[in-house]
């Protein structure tokens, strides 16, 4: 009986580890790039918008992007443009778009408005 009690936490941990990925569908970054074309106008193709009024999505956590898109869809976040886009997306679309943007390398701007380490100024092509 002691042996069973010692194995129980290990068994529970293994079952949870196998169940969690199934509960959160994995996105496909290649499919996400195709689905995110409309997003590029504001957020940039690599998710690093050159315009400060649009959030940078490059390198963002996929779960956060999925949650934000769900909140726009459900009306918990209020932005007429994003609400309109988010309401057209399926759950798999959200996962795919999130996978694409989270796979992109984030760009860090210096206080001088330059892309860190590149010498390029904000507002110029990356």
Protein backbone atom coordinates (compact mmCIF):
# COMPACT_ATOMS: atom_id res chain seq x y z
CA UNK A 1 0.00 0.00 0.00
CA UNK A 2 2.87 2.38 0.73
CA UNK A 3 4.24 1.81 -2.74
CA UNK A 4 0.88 2.77 -4.33
CA UNK A 5 0.73 6.01 -2.35
CA UNK A 6 4.21 6.98 -3.50
CA UNK A 7 3.33 6.35 -7.14
CA UNK A 8 0.04 8.23 -7.04
CA UNK A 9 1.55 11.74 -7.35
CA UNK A 10 3.78 10.54 -10.19
CA UNK A 11 0.82 8.99 -12.01
CA UNK A 12 -1.27 12.14 -11.51
CA UNK A 13 1.57 14.30 -12.81
CA UNK A 14 2.01 12.10 -15.88
CA UNK A 15 -1.71 12.14 -16.66
CA UNK A 16 -1.84 15.93 -16.32
CA UNK A 17 1.25 16.37 -18.49
CA UNK A 18 -0.39 14.34 -21.24
CA UNK A 19 -3.79 16.00 -20.88
CA UNK A 20 -2.69 19.66 -20.87
CA UNK A 21 -1.43 19.83 -24.46
CA UNK A 22 -4.71 18.34 -25.65
CA UNK A 23 -6.67 20.96 -23.71
CA UNK A 24 -4.76 23.79 -25.44
CA UNK A 25 -4.66 23.22 -29.20
CA UNK A 26 -1.32 23.90 -30.80
CA UNK A 27 -1.17 26.53 -33.48
CA UNK A 28 0.54 26.18 -36.82
CA UNK A 29 2.84 29.14 -37.51
CA UNK A 30 2.89 28.60 -41.30
CA UNK A 31 -0.90 28.59 -41.44
CA UNK A 32 -0.93 31.54 -39.05
CA UNK A 33 1.21 33.64 -41.39
CA UNK A 34 -1.34 33.15 -44.18
CA UNK A 35 -4.24 33.97 -41.85
CA UNK A 36 -2.50 37.02 -40.36
CA UNK A 37 -1.96 38.90 -43.63
CA UNK A 38 -4.65 41.40 -42.69
CA UNK A 39 -2.87 41.98 -39.35
CA UNK A 40 0.33 43.07 -41.11
CA UNK A 41 -1.11 46.47 -42.08
CA UNK A 42 -1.03 47.63 -38.45
CA UNK A 43 1.18 45.18 -36.57
CA UNK A 44 3.81 44.61 -39.28
CA UNK A 45 4.66 41.36 -41.04
CA UNK A 46 7.01 40.33 -38.27
CA UNK A 47 4.72 41.63 -35.53
CA UNK A 48 6.97 44.59 -34.77
CA UNK A 49 4.90 47.61 -35.75
CA UNK A 50 6.81 50.74 -36.64
CA UNK A 51 3.85 52.82 -35.40
CA UNK A 52 3.71 53.11 -31.62
CA UNK A 53 -0.10 53.11 -31.52
CA UNK A 54 -0.19 49.41 -32.50
CA UNK A 55 0.99 46.72 -30.08
CA UNK A 56 4.07 44.74 -31.03
CA UNK A 57 3.18 41.08 -31.31
CA UNK A 58 6.56 39.67 -32.37
CA UNK A 59 7.80 37.29 -29.68
CA UNK A 60 4.68 37.74 -27.53
CA UNK A 61 3.42 34.67 -25.64
CA UNK A 62 1.02 32.71 -27.85
CA UNK A 63 -1.42 32.20 -24.97
CA UNK A 64 -1.62 35.94 -24.42
CA UNK A 65 -2.39 36.59 -28.10
CA UNK A 66 -5.07 33.89 -28.11
CA UNK A 67 -6.61 35.33 -24.94
CA UNK A 68 -6.58 38.88 -26.32
CA UNK A 69 -8.27 37.77 -29.55
CA UNK A 70 -10.91 35.86 -27.56
CA UNK A 71 -11.53 38.93 -25.40
CA UNK A 72 -12.01 41.10 -28.51
CA UNK A 73 -14.37 38.49 -29.96
CA UNK A 74 -16.40 38.29 -26.74
CA UNK A 75 -16.54 42.06 -26.24
CA UNK A 76 -14.36 42.09 -23.11
CA UNK A 77 -11.93 44.36 -24.97
CA UNK A 78 -13.28 47.28 -26.92
CA UNK A 79 -11.59 48.29 -30.14
CA UNK A 80 -13.91 48.46 -33.17
CA UNK A 81 -11.24 47.35 -35.64
CA UNK A 82 -9.99 44.43 -33.55
CA UNK A 83 -13.51 43.34 -32.58
CA UNK A 84 -14.44 43.17 -36.27
CA UNK A 85 -11.42 41.05 -37.13
CA UNK A 86 -11.57 38.82 -34.04
CA UNK A 87 -15.21 37.89 -34.59
CA UNK A 88 -14.34 36.32 -37.95
CA UNK A 89 -11.68 34.00 -36.48
CA UNK A 90 -12.21 30.40 -35.43
CA UNK A 91 -10.47 29.00 -32.36
CA UNK A 92 -7.91 27.33 -34.66
CA UNK A 93 -7.35 30.62 -36.52
CA UNK A 94 -6.53 32.31 -33.21
CA UNK A 95 -4.10 29.54 -32.28
CA UNK A 96 -2.40 29.68 -35.68
CA UNK A 97 -2.05 33.47 -35.71
CA UNK A 98 -0.70 33.39 -32.16
CA UNK A 99 1.81 30.69 -33.11
CA UNK A 100 3.04 32.80 -36.03
CA UNK A 101 3.51 36.04 -34.11
CA UNK A 102 5.01 34.35 -31.05
CA UNK A 103 7.62 32.71 -33.31
CA UNK A 104 8.80 36.10 -34.60
CA UNK A 105 11.83 37.81 -33.13
CA UNK A 106 10.89 40.89 -31.09
CA UNK A 107 12.53 44.19 -31.96
CA UNK A 108 13.66 46.42 -29.13
CA UNK A 109 13.77 50.17 -29.67
CA UNK A 110 16.32 52.28 -27.84
CA UNK A 111 15.42 55.60 -26.20
CA UNK A 112 16.84 57.30 -29.30
CA UNK A 113 14.24 55.57 -31.49
CA UNK A 114 16.72 53.13 -33.03
CA UNK A 115 16.37 49.41 -33.45
CA UNK A 116 18.69 48.04 -30.78
CA UNK A 117 22.05 47.13 -32.27
CA UNK A 118 21.15 48.02 -35.87
CA UNK A 119 21.58 51.79 -36.05
CA UNK A 120 18.23 52.03 -37.88
CA UNK A 121 15.75 54.71 -36.86
CA UNK A 122 12.12 54.08 -36.00
CA UNK A 123 9.91 54.57 -39.04
CA UNK A 124 12.42 53.01 -41.46
CA UNK A 125 12.18 49.60 -43.01
CA UNK A 126 13.37 46.66 -40.92
